[in-house]
Amino acid sequence: MPESPEHYKSILLFLGTAAIVAPVFRRLKISPVLGFLAAGFCLGPYGLGALVARGTLPGWVSHVTFDNLDEIAPVAEFGVVFLLFMIGLELSFERLLHLRRLVFGFGAAQVFVSALALGGIALALHHSLGSAVILGLALAMSSTAIVLPVLADRKRLGTSAGRTIFSVLLFQDLMVAPLLFLVTILGAHHDKFDSVLLYTVLPACIGIAVVALAGRLVLRPLFHFVVAAGSPEFFVAACLLVVVGTAVISAASGLSMGLGALIAGLLLAETEYRRQIEVTIEPFQGLLLGLFFLSVGASLDLSLIFSAPVRTLGLAAGVIAVKAVAVYVAGRLFRLSVRVASETALMLAPGGEFALVVIASALASRALGAQIGADALVAVTLSMFVIPPMAGLAALLPRPKPEADADLEKLPAPLEEGASAKAIIVGYGRVGQVVGDMLRAHAIDFLAIETNAGLVKQFRSRGTDIYWGNATQPEFLARCGIANARALIVTIGAVEGSEGIVAAARQLNKDLTIVARARDASHARELYELGVTDAVPETVEASLQLSEAALVDMGIPMGLVIASIHDKRDEYRKALQPAGATKMREFRARRHR
């Protein structure tokens, strides 16, 4: 018997909401996270559902509401799992090394000073020690998903304050897994801090060690095997298997699912498949994380604001005020300028998505009381809506003197990760290797992209910065840092592949120098139409080299031969280039003289 359409209501409602909320909020330059939270509340049992129950709205409205959150909760949980996996992939030991003072110094100070202050207030209000610890640490977290896009929109990520805020958020990301582990322990033992915890911590540590060891031994060979099959579908399946599999193994060990995924991400972060895995997983992460925030919004009972406005709004305002003071004081102790410390305090004072994750996990494990948990969820959500106005307030702060934060200006900006290479070589076969040798001879660092897993493995073992992946995907090129690269050299011989790469790269970086290998004059003409700076046809270049060798062997002076070959090459180039491209090239040549 066919199932009722009602069985598919939740998934259809979510997909419809995602299709509307994400584009609309991105167009308005507002984080989709806020859109999913607001949509979840409106479509949840405390929004339209409550109005239908009271008879204020007609019964048919219930068909577009979430009336059974238990149906989507198990799937929504994977949003956090995928997010933690992506955080693991994006963590770079080099980045941590450069930012270590801000990450492990100021970042740790922000989290623990804020947690101590907020937890102390919770204890003063007669909450248990376990609840105070969870509340303090959870409320100390800020919103990576909202703060970084807001800073990027305002062109503030590359500033001293942007680097500082990013470093603190990075430390907070590192703290998520230990926090979830702590919640698991407190939920299992309800504040009994005695020797019985040893029997919980020890198996958990063994579980972490097993996941890490098995991952190091299995993950890279697994992807070698899958890539050799040459099927994109198998690669997607392998990525999903790693994320879901490590999460399930972690849960079976008594740990949080997200911790296993984070470990898997860290293990894959140093492999040649990292960039392609990021591109493959990102759509799943976005959808599932949207579902998570939708479920959080649907579970929010904002009637608490009206029934107890002083308690709820006071908690939200109190969290913002306490964190702002704690962050500012910590910043000044770390010798940050008044401007940087103030902007950092304003942007990090509101709560964040991981506070919602930790509190929701604590409620599920009964490590936190239902009433205070509900109040905290509402307070954190309300504070997240304050982030854009906080950014506007930060913009009004007086500008510091140029020398005030000179040390911070030397640190790498958040958007520079993966983009330190001046050149990107697509195709690292025989032609690409020669190009790489020439770049290396002139001390130009480069990143290589190749689809032959054997070549990638071979050259990566020699220290070459090379990744396996599909360079025709704009998302993959973006992950490789095309936006900040100076040149792209495309050495592959496939006509459609090289055209797709050039078109995607030109869309991502209008000023990028693109040099591409062409099969013949016709292919070169197509590449020029797509925006390539220089196309090098194999047939033309081979004929010029043959001519050069013949003329020199026949006794013509080398200088005259080189000059004539150069003139002939320019003649071919001008004949192949569109008129507009020729004029632009001549203009650039004059500008560089």
Protein backbone atom coordinates (compact mmCIF):
# COMPACT_ATOMS: atom_id res chain seq x y z
CA MET A 1 0.00 0.00 0.00
CA PRO A 2 1.48 3.43 -0.94
CA GLU A 3 2.50 5.64 1.94
CA SER A 4 0.60 8.81 2.71
CA PRO A 5 2.14 12.10 1.45
CA GLU A 6 2.14 13.11 5.13
CA HIS A 7 5.17 10.83 5.59
CA TYR A 8 7.20 13.09 3.33
CA LYS A 9 5.89 16.39 4.70
CA SER A 10 8.90 17.21 6.87
CA ILE A 11 11.52 16.64 4.18
CA LEU A 12 9.50 18.49 1.51
CA LEU A 13 8.91 21.38 3.92
CA PHE A 14 12.61 21.58 4.73
CA LEU A 15 13.71 21.50 1.09
CA GLY A 16 11.17 24.18 0.21
CA THR A 17 12.34 26.33 3.12
CA ALA A 18 16.00 25.90 2.14
CA ALA A 19 15.23 26.86 -1.46
CA ILE A 20 13.62 30.11 -0.28
CA VAL A 21 15.51 31.09 2.88
CA ALA A 22 19.12 30.69 1.71
CA PRO A 23 18.87 32.76 -1.53
CA VAL A 24 16.72 35.48 0.05
CA PHE A 25 18.96 35.98 3.08
CA ARG A 26 22.13 35.87 0.97
CA ARG A 27 20.68 38.55 -1.31
CA LEU A 28 19.92 40.64 1.77
CA LYS A 29 23.52 40.00 2.93
CA ILE A 30 22.25 38.38 6.14
CA SER A 31 23.55 35.03 7.38
CA PRO A 32 21.25 32.16 6.30
CA VAL A 33 21.73 30.79 9.83
CA LEU A 34 19.45 33.54 11.12
CA GLY A 35 17.01 32.77 8.30
CA PHE A 36 16.82 29.07 9.22
CA LEU A 37 16.35 29.90 12.91
CA ALA A 38 13.55 32.36 12.12
CA ALA A 39 11.90 30.00 9.60
CA GLY A 40 12.13 27.11 12.07
CA PHE A 41 10.33 29.12 14.74
CA CYS A 42 7.64 30.34 12.34
CA LEU A 43 6.94 26.84 10.99
CA GLY A 44 7.35 25.07 14.34
CA PRO A 45 4.90 24.06 17.04
CA TYR A 46 5.45 27.34 18.92
CA GLY A 47 4.87 29.47 15.82
CA LEU A 48 2.18 28.72 13.25
CA GLY A 49 1.53 25.40 14.97
CA ALA A 50 0.45 27.18 18.16
CA LEU A 51 -1.85 29.51 16.21
CA VAL A 52 -3.49 26.54 14.48
CA ALA A 53 -3.96 24.78 17.84
CA ARG A 54 -5.70 27.87 19.24
CA GLY A 55 -7.98 28.14 16.22
CA THR A 56 -6.49 31.48 15.16
CA LEU A 57 -5.48 30.02 11.80
CA PRO A 58 -7.39 27.46 9.67
CA GLY A 59 -6.50 23.80 9.96
CA TRP A 60 -4.93 23.52 6.48
CA VAL A 61 -1.99 25.64 7.72
CA SER A 62 -0.85 22.61 9.74
CA HIS A 63 0.25 21.03 6.44
CA VAL A 64 3.08 23.56 6.26
CA THR A 65 4.27 23.25 9.86
CA PHE A 66 6.69 20.95 11.65
CA ASP A 67 4.48 19.07 14.07
CA ASN A 68 6.84 16.18 14.82
CA LEU A 69 10.40 17.30 15.48
CA ASP A 70 11.44 13.75 16.41
CA GLU A 71 11.25 12.85 12.72
CA ILE A 72 13.97 15.30 11.69
CA ALA A 73 16.10 15.28 14.87
CA PRO A 74 18.28 12.24 13.94
CA VAL A 75 19.03 13.67 10.49
CA ALA A 76 19.50 17.21 11.82
CA GLU A 77 22.17 15.94 14.21
CA PHE A 78 24.32 15.10 11.21
CA GLY A 79 24.48 18.81 10.39
CA VAL A 80 26.78 19.27 13.38
CA VAL A 81 28.70 16.11 12.43
CA PHE A 82 29.41 17.42 8.93
CA LEU A 83 30.29 20.87 10.28
CA LEU A 84 32.88 19.41 12.66
CA PHE A 85 34.30 17.26 9.85
CA MET A 86 34.76 20.39 7.71
CA ILE A 87 36.39 22.22 10.63
CA GLY A 88 38.85 19.35 10.94
CA LEU A 89 39.62 19.55 7.21
CA GLU A 90 40.19 23.30 7.34
CA LEU A 91 42.52 23.26 10.34
CA SER A 92 46.07 23.75 9.17
CA PHE A 93 49.09 23.17 11.40
CA GLU A 94 50.87 25.96 9.53
CA ARG A 95 48.00 28.35 10.25
CA LEU A 96 47.96 27.37 13.91
CA LEU A 97 51.72 27.89 14.07
CA HIS A 98 51.50 31.43 12.67
CA LEU A 99 48.56 32.40 14.86
CA ARG A 100 49.56 30.42 17.97
CA ARG A 101 49.79 33.47 20.27
CA LEU A 102 46.31 34.66 19.35
CA VAL A 103 44.74 31.19 19.08
CA PHE A 104 46.13 29.47 22.16
CA GLY A 105 46.83 32.63 24.12
CA PHE A 106 44.10 35.19 23.58
CA GLY A 107 41.59 32.60 22.30
CA ALA A 108 42.00 30.44 25.38
CA ALA A 109 41.82 33.51 27.63
CA GLN A 110 38.55 34.63 26.01
CA VAL A 111 36.89 31.23 26.40
CA PHE A 112 37.98 30.48 29.96
CA VAL A 113 37.62 34.01 31.36
CA SER A 114 34.13 34.27 29.86
CA ALA A 115 33.24 30.76 31.05
CA LEU A 116 34.53 31.50 34.55
CA ALA A 117 32.49 34.70 34.79
CA LEU A 118 29.29 33.20 33.36
CA GLY A 119 29.67 29.93 35.28
CA GLY A 120 30.30 31.87 38.48
CA ILE A 121 27.07 33.80 37.97
CA ALA A 122 25.22 30.50 37.38
CA LEU A 123 26.62 29.11 40.65
CA ALA A 124 25.58 32.29 42.46
CA LEU A 125 22.05 31.70 41.14
CA HIS A 126 22.08 28.27 42.86
CA HIS A 127 22.60 26.07 39.81
CA SER A 128 24.56 22.85 40.27
CA LEU A 129 28.29 22.73 39.56
CA GLY A 130 27.80 20.59 36.45
CA SER A 131 25.14 22.93 35.05
CA ALA A 132 27.31 25.96 35.80
CA VAL A 133 30.28 24.42 33.97
CA ILE A 134 28.19 23.55 30.91
CA LEU A 135 26.46 26.94 30.83
CA GLY A 136 29.69 28.87 31.31
CA LEU A 137 31.56 27.08 28.54
CA ALA A 138 28.61 26.96 26.14
CA LEU A 139 27.73 30.64 26.52
CA ALA A 140 31.41 31.58 26.07
CA MET A 141 31.18 30.37 22.46
CA SER A 142 30.56 32.84 19.61
CA SER A 143 29.13 32.43 16.11
CA THR A 144 31.65 31.48 13.43
CA ALA A 145 28.83 31.01 10.90
CA ILE A 146 27.60 34.61 11.28
CA VAL A 147 30.60 36.66 12.45
CA LEU A 148 33.02 35.70 9.64
CA PRO A 149 30.56 36.41 6.77
CA VAL A 150 29.61 39.74 8.40
CA LEU A 151 33.29 40.70 8.63
CA ALA A 152 33.89 39.56 5.04
CA ASP A 153 30.97 41.68 3.77
CA ARG A 154 32.41 44.71 5.55
CA LYS A 155 35.96 44.01 4.24
CA ARG A 156 37.20 43.60 7.82
CA LEU A 157 38.61 40.04 7.72
CA GLY A 158 42.07 41.15 6.62
CA THR A 159 42.37 43.82 9.32
CA SER A 160 44.07 43.45 12.70
CA ALA A 161 40.67 43.01 14.36
CA GLY A 162 39.65 40.47 11.71
CA ARG A 163 42.77 38.36 12.30
CA THR A 164 42.19 38.52 16.07
CA ILE A 165 38.51 37.56 15.86
CA PHE A 166 39.30 34.73 13.46
CA SER A 167 41.97 33.36 15.81
CA VAL A 168 39.57 33.33 18.76
CA LEU A 169 36.88 31.61 16.70
CA LEU A 170 39.46 29.04 15.62
CA PHE A 171 40.22 28.19 19.24
CA GLN A 172 36.49 27.94 19.95
CA ASP A 173 36.16 25.48 17.07
CA LEU A 174 38.91 23.38 18.64
CA MET A 175 37.01 23.43 21.95
CA VAL A 176 33.77 22.00 20.55
CA ALA A 177 34.76 18.34 20.65
CA PRO A 178 36.10 18.45 24.24
CA LEU A 179 32.92 20.30 25.30
CA LEU A 180 30.68 17.65 23.79
CA PHE A 181 32.81 15.00 25.48
CA LEU A 182 32.40 16.82 28.81
CA VAL A 183 28.63 16.97 28.32
CA THR A 184 28.59 13.22 27.68
CA ILE A 185 30.43 12.57 30.96
CA LEU A 186 28.28 14.94 33.02
CA GLY A 187 25.12 13.55 31.49
CA ALA A 188 26.15 10.02 32.38
CA HIS A 189 27.11 10.76 35.99
CA HIS A 190 25.06 13.81 36.97
CA ASP A 191 27.76 15.83 38.72
CA LYS A 192 29.42 12.85 40.45
CA PHE A 193 33.05 13.92 40.12
CA ASP A 194 34.58 10.80 41.64
CA SER A 195 36.63 7.81 40.56
CA VAL A 196 33.76 6.40 38.51
CA LEU A 197 34.60 9.01 35.83
CA LEU A 198 37.84 7.14 35.24
CA TYR A 199 35.81 4.24 33.90
CA THR A 200 34.14 6.63 31.47
CA VAL A 201 37.19 8.65 30.44
CA LEU A 202 39.45 5.62 29.92
CA PRO A 203 37.19 3.86 27.37
CA ALA A 204 36.60 7.19 25.67
CA CYS A 205 40.33 7.82 25.32
CA ILE A 206 40.79 4.32 23.96
CA GLY A 207 37.96 5.00 21.50
CA ILE A 208 39.65 8.21 20.32
CA ALA A 209 42.96 6.39 19.90
CA VAL A 210 41.31 3.59 17.90
CA VAL A 211 39.51 6.04 15.60
CA ALA A 212 42.71 8.06 15.05
CA LEU A 213 44.93 5.01 14.45
CA ALA A 214 42.45 3.24 12.19
CA GLY A 215 41.86 6.45 10.29
CA ARG A 216 45.58 7.01 9.69
CA LEU A 217 45.99 3.44 8.42
CA VAL A 218 42.78 3.19 6.37
CA LEU A 219 41.65 6.59 5.07
CA ARG A 220 44.42 7.41 2.58
CA PRO A 221 44.52 3.88 1.04
CA LEU A 222 40.71 3.98 0.83
CA PHE A 223 40.75 7.15 -1.25
CA HIS A 224 43.63 5.83 -3.40
CA PHE A 225 41.49 2.80 -4.20
CA VAL A 226 38.34 4.84 -4.89
CA VAL A 227 40.11 7.40 -7.07
CA ALA A 228 41.70 4.61 -9.14
CA ALA A 229 38.16 3.45 -10.02
CA GLY A 230 37.63 6.77 -11.82
CA SER A 231 34.01 7.23 -10.71
CA PRO A 232 32.84 10.55 -9.19
CA GLU A 233 29.89 8.75 -7.63
CA PHE A 234 32.20 6.36 -5.75
CA PHE A 235 34.23 9.33 -4.49
CA VAL A 236 31.07 10.97 -3.10
CA ALA A 237 30.10 7.65 -1.50
CA ALA A 238 33.56 7.31 0.08
CA CYS A 239 33.36 10.84 1.52
CA LEU A 240 29.95 10.18 3.06
CA LEU A 241 31.13 6.80 4.35
CA VAL A 242 34.08 8.39 6.14
CA VAL A 243 31.98 11.11 7.80
CA VAL A 244 29.04 8.93 8.82
CA GLY A 245 31.18 5.88 9.60
CA THR A 246 33.58 7.67 11.96
CA ALA A 247 30.63 9.41 13.63
CA VAL A 248 28.87 6.10 14.28
CA ILE A 249 32.08 4.43 15.53
CA SER A 250 32.65 7.38 17.85
CA ALA A 251 29.09 7.13 19.18
CA ALA A 252 29.53 3.39 19.75
CA SER A 253 32.60 4.20 21.86
CA GLY A 254 30.51 6.41 24.13
CA LEU A 255 31.75 9.64 22.54
CA SER A 256 29.85 12.28 20.61
CA MET A 257 29.35 11.64 16.90
CA GLY A 258 30.91 15.00 16.07
CA LEU A 259 34.20 14.11 17.78
CA GLY A 260 34.76 11.14 15.47
CA ALA A 261 34.02 13.29 12.43
CA LEU A 262 36.42 16.00 13.65
CA ILE A 263 39.22 13.43 14.03
CA ALA A 264 38.54 12.10 10.53
CA GLY A 265 38.72 15.64 9.15
CA LEU A 266 42.03 16.29 10.90
CA LEU A 267 43.49 13.08 9.48
CA LEU A 268 42.43 13.96 5.94
CA ALA A 269 43.53 17.61 6.21
CA GLU A 270 47.12 16.75 5.28
CA THR A 271 46.27 14.47 2.34
CA GLU A 272 46.20 15.20 -1.38
CA TYR A 273 42.43 14.65 -1.45
CA ARG A 274 41.60 17.41 1.02
CA ARG A 275 40.42 20.07 -1.47
CA GLN A 276 38.18 17.73 -3.46
CA ILE A 277 36.70 16.28 -0.27
CA GLU A 278 35.84 19.82 0.90
CA VAL A 279 34.05 20.55 -2.37
CA THR A 280 32.21 17.21 -2.22
CA ILE A 281 31.06 17.52 1.40
CA GLU A 282 30.19 21.23 1.44
CA PRO A 283 26.68 20.90 -0.14
CA PHE A 284 25.74 18.13 2.30
CA GLN A 285 27.08 20.18 5.20
CA GLY A 286 25.11 23.25 4.13
CA LEU A 287 21.83 21.36 3.79
CA LEU A 288 22.16 19.32 6.98
CA LEU A 289 23.37 22.29 9.01
CA GLY A 290 20.38 24.26 7.69
CA LEU A 291 18.15 21.42 8.89
CA PHE A 292 19.83 21.55 12.29
CA PHE A 293 19.20 25.27 12.70
CA LEU A 294 15.67 24.80 11.40
CA SER A 295 15.05 22.18 14.09
CA VAL A 296 16.58 24.45 16.74
CA GLY A 297 14.32 27.30 15.65
CA ALA A 298 11.29 25.02 15.66
CA SER A 299 12.03 23.92 19.23
CA LEU A 300 12.31 27.50 20.53
CA ASP A 301 9.48 28.59 22.76
CA LEU A 302 9.62 32.36 22.40
CA SER A 303 6.54 32.66 24.58
CA LEU A 304 9.10 32.60 27.38
CA ILE A 305 9.92 36.17 26.40
CA PHE A 306 6.36 37.24 27.15
CA SER A 307 5.83 35.02 30.17
CA ALA A 308 9.17 35.90 31.77
CA PRO A 309 10.64 38.85 29.84
CA VAL A 310 12.97 39.97 32.60
CA ARG A 311 14.53 36.52 32.97
CA THR A 312 14.85 35.74 29.25
CA LEU A 313 15.88 39.15 27.91
CA GLY A 314 17.99 39.73 31.00
CA LEU A 315 19.87 36.49 30.36
CA ALA A 316 20.53 37.46 26.71
CA ALA A 317 21.65 40.98 27.66
CA GLY A 318 23.70 39.65 30.57
CA VAL A 319 25.57 37.15 28.39
CA ILE A 320 26.43 39.87 25.87
CA ALA A 321 27.54 42.33 28.57
CA VAL A 322 29.65 39.83 30.55
CA LYS A 323 31.37 38.46 27.45
CA ALA A 324 32.04 41.93 26.05
CA VAL A 325 33.76 43.00 29.27
CA ALA A 326 35.70 39.72 29.55
CA VAL A 327 36.91 39.86 25.94
CA TYR A 328 37.90 43.52 26.18
CA VAL A 329 39.85 43.00 29.41
CA ALA A 330 41.59 39.92 28.02
CA GLY A 331 42.43 41.83 24.84
CA ARG A 332 44.01 44.71 26.73
CA LEU A 333 46.01 42.25 28.83
CA PHE A 334 47.34 40.81 25.56
CA ARG A 335 48.34 44.35 24.54
CA LEU A 336 45.76 44.75 21.80
CA SER A 337 44.92 48.33 20.90
CA VAL A 338 41.72 49.86 22.25
CA ARG A 339 40.16 49.72 18.77
CA VAL A 340 40.99 46.03 18.17
CA ALA A 341 40.00 44.97 21.70
CA SER A 342 36.70 46.88 21.43
CA GLU A 343 35.78 45.52 17.98
CA THR A 344 36.69 42.00 19.05
CA ALA A 345 34.56 42.32 22.19
CA LEU A 346 31.55 43.60 20.22
CA MET A 347 31.70 40.83 17.60
CA LEU A 348 32.33 37.96 20.02
CA ALA A 349 29.92 39.02 22.79
CA PRO A 350 26.76 37.37 21.33
CA GLY A 351 26.30 33.62 21.53
CA GLY A 352 26.90 31.19 18.70
CA GLU A 353 25.76 28.03 16.95
CA PHE A 354 28.00 25.79 19.02
CA ALA A 355 26.39 27.13 22.19
CA LEU A 356 23.12 25.81 20.73
CA VAL A 357 24.79 22.49 19.93
CA VAL A 358 26.27 22.06 23.42
CA ILE A 359 23.09 23.13 25.22
CA ALA A 360 20.91 20.88 23.04
CA SER A 361 23.29 17.97 23.72
CA ALA A 362 23.21 18.71 27.45
CA LEU A 363 19.41 18.76 27.43
CA ALA A 364 19.28 15.45 25.56
CA SER A 365 21.68 13.80 28.05
CA ARG A 366 19.92 15.47 31.03
CA ALA A 367 23.14 17.14 32.08
CA LEU A 368 21.20 20.43 32.11
CA GLY A 369 17.79 21.18 33.57
CA ALA A 370 14.89 21.69 31.13
CA GLN A 371 13.99 25.19 32.33
CA ILE A 372 17.46 26.71 32.30
CA GLY A 373 18.25 24.89 29.04
CA ALA A 374 15.18 26.37 27.34
CA ASP A 375 16.00 29.85 28.67
CA ALA A 376 19.61 29.54 27.50
CA LEU A 377 18.56 28.43 23.98
CA VAL A 378 16.25 31.43 23.63
CA ALA A 379 18.89 33.82 25.02
CA VAL A 380 21.62 32.55 22.69
CA THR A 381 19.31 32.73 19.67
CA LEU A 382 18.25 36.29 20.48
CA SER A 383 21.87 37.34 20.95
CA MET A 384 22.82 35.95 17.53
CA PHE A 385 20.37 38.33 15.86
CA VAL A 386 22.32 41.20 17.45
CA ILE A 387 25.57 40.41 15.59
CA PRO A 388 24.91 42.58 12.47
CA PRO A 389 24.02 45.66 14.60
CA MET A 390 27.16 45.00 16.67
CA ALA A 391 29.21 45.11 13.46
CA GLY A 392 27.62 48.47 12.62
CA LEU A 393 28.52 49.76 16.08
CA ALA A 394 32.11 48.53 15.66
CA ALA A 395 32.38 50.52 12.43
CA LEU A 396 31.87 53.72 14.44
CA LEU A 397 34.93 53.11 16.60
CA PRO A 398 37.84 55.54 16.07
CA ARG A 399 40.65 54.34 13.82
CA PRO A 400 43.88 53.36 15.62
CA LYS A 401 47.29 54.71 14.79
CA PRO A 402 49.06 52.66 12.05
CA GLU A 403 51.79 51.50 14.44
CA ALA A 404 49.32 50.40 17.16
CA ASP A 405 48.86 46.87 15.78
CA ALA A 406 51.96 46.44 13.62
CA ASP A 407 52.58 42.89 14.89
CA LEU A 408 49.04 41.79 14.01
CA GLU A 409 49.35 43.14 10.46
CA LYS A 410 52.22 40.72 9.82
CA LEU A 411 50.05 37.67 10.53
CA PRO A 412 48.34 35.79 7.67
CA ALA A 413 44.79 36.93 6.94
CA PRO A 414 42.01 34.31 7.22
CA LEU A 415 41.28 34.32 3.49
CA GLU A 416 44.91 33.65 2.55
CA GLU A 417 44.86 29.96 3.46
CA GLY A 418 45.42 27.87 0.36
CA ALA A 419 46.26 31.03 -1.57
CA SER A 420 49.90 31.64 -0.64
CA ALA A 421 51.04 30.09 -3.93
CA LYS A 422 51.76 32.70 -6.60
CA ALA A 423 50.96 30.25 -9.40
CA ILE A 424 48.65 27.28 -9.90
CA ILE A 425 49.54 24.54 -12.40
CA VAL A 426 46.66 22.38 -13.64
CA GLY A 427 48.02 19.12 -14.99
CA TYR A 428 51.32 17.86 -13.60
CA GLY A 429 52.33 15.43 -16.31
CA ARG A 430 55.49 15.87 -18.35
CA VAL A 431 54.57 19.40 -19.48
CA GLY A 432 53.43 20.48 -16.03
CA GLN A 433 56.58 19.13 -14.42
CA VAL A 434 58.78 21.19 -16.74
CA VAL A 435 56.72 24.30 -15.95
CA GLY A 436 57.07 23.51 -12.24
CA ASP A 437 60.84 23.15 -12.58
CA MET A 438 61.07 26.54 -14.29
CA LEU A 439 58.94 28.24 -11.63
CA ARG A 440 61.03 26.62 -8.91
CA ALA A 441 64.24 27.80 -10.60
CA HIS A 442 62.98 31.37 -10.33
CA ALA A 443 61.87 30.94 -6.68
CA ILE A 444 58.15 31.16 -7.53
CA ASP A 445 56.08 28.97 -5.27
CA PHE A 446 53.21 27.08 -6.90
CA LEU A 447 50.38 24.66 -6.22
CA ALA A 448 49.75 21.79 -8.64
CA ILE A 449 46.48 20.02 -9.48
CA GLU A 450 46.41 16.58 -11.10
CA THR A 451 43.80 13.86 -11.73
CA ASN A 452 46.31 11.00 -11.91
CA ALA A 453 46.39 9.65 -8.34
CA GLY A 454 49.69 7.88 -8.96
CA LEU A 455 51.44 11.10 -10.00
CA VAL A 456 49.92 12.98 -7.07
CA LYS A 457 51.16 10.36 -4.61
CA GLN A 458 54.62 10.30 -6.21
CA PHE A 459 55.22 14.06 -6.19
CA ARG A 460 53.55 14.70 -2.86
CA SER A 461 56.02 12.29 -1.27
CA ARG A 462 58.78 14.50 -2.72
CA GLY A 463 57.36 17.60 -1.03
CA THR A 464 55.49 19.13 -3.99
CA ASP A 465 52.35 21.05 -3.01
CA ILE A 466 49.97 19.03 -5.18
CA TYR A 467 46.31 18.01 -4.85
CA TRP A 468 44.06 15.54 -6.60
CA GLY A 469 40.82 17.04 -7.90
CA ASN A 470 38.63 18.32 -10.69
CA ALA A 471 39.81 21.81 -11.66
CA THR A 472 36.77 22.42 -13.88
CA GLN A 473 34.73 22.93 -10.70
CA PRO A 474 34.77 26.60 -9.66
CA GLU A 475 34.42 25.58 -6.01
CA PHE A 476 37.57 23.46 -6.24
CA LEU A 477 39.58 26.29 -7.82
CA ALA A 478 38.31 28.64 -5.12
CA ARG A 479 39.47 26.20 -2.42
CA CYS A 480 42.91 26.14 -4.07
CA GLY A 481 43.17 29.91 -3.72
CA ILE A 482 42.54 31.07 -7.29
CA ALA A 483 41.17 34.41 -6.04
CA ASN A 484 44.59 35.46 -4.69
CA ALA A 485 46.89 33.68 -7.16
CA ARG A 486 48.85 35.69 -9.74
CA ALA A 487 48.94 33.12 -12.53
CA LEU A 488 47.24 29.94 -13.70
CA ILE A 489 49.05 27.60 -16.09
CA VAL A 490 46.83 24.98 -17.75
CA THR A 491 48.94 22.18 -19.26
CA ILE A 492 46.31 19.51 -19.95
CA GLY A 493 45.68 18.52 -23.55
CA ALA A 494 41.95 17.79 -23.29
CA VAL A 495 40.03 20.45 -25.23
CA GLU A 496 36.83 20.55 -23.17
CA GLY A 497 38.69 20.26 -19.87
CA SER A 498 41.03 23.17 -20.53
CA GLU A 499 38.18 25.37 -21.77
CA GLY A 500 36.14 24.62 -18.65
CA ILE A 501 39.08 25.45 -16.38
CA VAL A 502 39.82 28.74 -18.15
CA ALA A 503 36.16 29.81 -18.06
CA ALA A 504 35.81 28.99 -14.36
CA ALA A 505 39.10 30.68 -13.41
CA ARG A 506 38.30 33.86 -15.32
CA GLN A 507 34.95 34.16 -13.52
CA LEU A 508 36.67 33.84 -10.13
CA ASN A 509 39.58 36.22 -10.82
CA LYS A 510 39.22 38.92 -13.49
CA ASP A 511 42.87 40.02 -13.16
CA LEU A 512 44.44 36.54 -13.20
CA THR A 513 47.14 35.78 -15.77
CA ILE A 514 46.07 32.57 -17.52
CA VAL A 515 48.44 30.69 -19.82
CA ALA A 516 46.98 27.56 -21.41
CA ARG A 517 48.20 24.78 -23.67
CA ALA A 518 46.17 24.46 -26.91
CA ARG A 519 45.86 21.57 -29.32
CA ASP A 520 45.96 23.75 -32.43
CA ALA A 521 45.19 27.24 -33.71
CA SER A 522 41.43 26.66 -33.60
CA HIS A 523 41.58 25.55 -29.96
CA ALA A 524 43.79 28.54 -29.10
CA ARG A 525 41.20 30.88 -30.65
CA GLU A 526 38.49 29.35 -28.44
CA LEU A 527 40.65 29.80 -25.34
CA TYR A 528 41.22 33.46 -26.16
CA GLU A 529 37.47 33.94 -26.46
CA LEU A 530 37.10 32.48 -22.95
CA GLY A 531 39.56 34.99 -21.47
CA VAL A 532 42.96 33.29 -21.53
CA THR A 533 45.93 35.67 -21.44
CA ASP A 534 48.12 33.51 -23.66
CA ALA A 535 47.34 30.28 -25.50
CA VAL A 536 50.23 28.10 -26.71
CA PRO A 537 49.21 25.87 -29.65
CA GLU A 538 51.22 22.66 -29.77
CA THR A 539 51.43 22.61 -33.60
CA VAL A 540 52.55 26.24 -33.89
CA GLU A 541 55.13 25.97 -31.10
CA ALA A 542 56.54 22.74 -32.51
CA SER A 543 56.95 24.34 -35.96
CA LEU A 544 58.72 27.36 -34.45
CA GLN A 545 61.14 25.17 -32.51
CA LEU A 546 61.88 23.10 -35.63
CA SER A 547 62.51 26.31 -37.56
CA GLU A 548 64.81 27.63 -34.86
CA ALA A 549 66.91 24.45 -34.79
CA ALA A 550 67.15 24.30 -38.58
CA LEU A 551 68.16 27.97 -39.00
CA VAL A 552 70.83 27.77 -36.28
CA ASP A 553 72.25 24.54 -37.74
CA MET A 554 72.39 26.24 -41.14
CA GLY A 555 74.65 28.95 -39.73
CA ILE A 556 72.22 31.83 -39.21
CA PRO A 557 73.32 33.89 -36.15
CA MET A 558 71.44 32.93 -32.97
CA GLY A 559 70.34 36.52 -32.23
CA LEU A 560 68.68 36.93 -35.63
CA VAL A 561 66.97 33.53 -35.31
CA ILE A 562 65.57 34.29 -31.86
CA ALA A 563 64.30 37.69 -33.02
CA SER A 564 62.56 36.24 -36.08
CA ILE A 565 61.03 33.42 -34.03
CA HIS A 566 59.78 35.96 -31.51
CA ASP A 567 58.23 38.11 -34.26
CA LYS A 568 56.57 35.08 -35.84
CA ARG A 569 55.15 33.99 -32.48
CA ASP A 570 53.66 37.44 -31.93
CA GLU A 571 52.20 37.36 -35.45
CA TYR A 572 50.45 34.06 -34.73
CA ARG A 573 49.23 35.33 -31.36
CA LYS A 574 47.70 38.48 -32.81
CA ALA A 575 46.01 36.47 -35.56
CA LEU A 576 44.45 34.11 -33.02
CA GLN A 577 43.41 36.67 -30.41
CA PRO A 578 40.11 38.57 -30.64
CA ALA A 579 40.55 42.30 -31.34
CA GLY A 580 39.63 43.30 -27.78
CA ALA A 581 42.05 40.82 -26.25
CA THR A 582 44.86 42.04 -28.51
CA LYS A 583 44.37 45.65 -27.45
CA MET A 584 44.22 44.69 -23.80
CA ARG A 585 47.42 42.68 -24.10
CA GLU A 586 49.22 45.59 -25.78
CA PHE A 587 47.99 47.92 -23.02
CA ARG A 588 49.30 45.59 -20.31
CA ALA A 589 52.65 45.28 -22.11
CA ARG A 590 53.04 49.07 -22.20
CA ARG A 591 52.05 49.36 -18.54
CA HIS A 592 54.77 46.88 -17.45
CA ARG A 593 57.56 48.67 -19.37
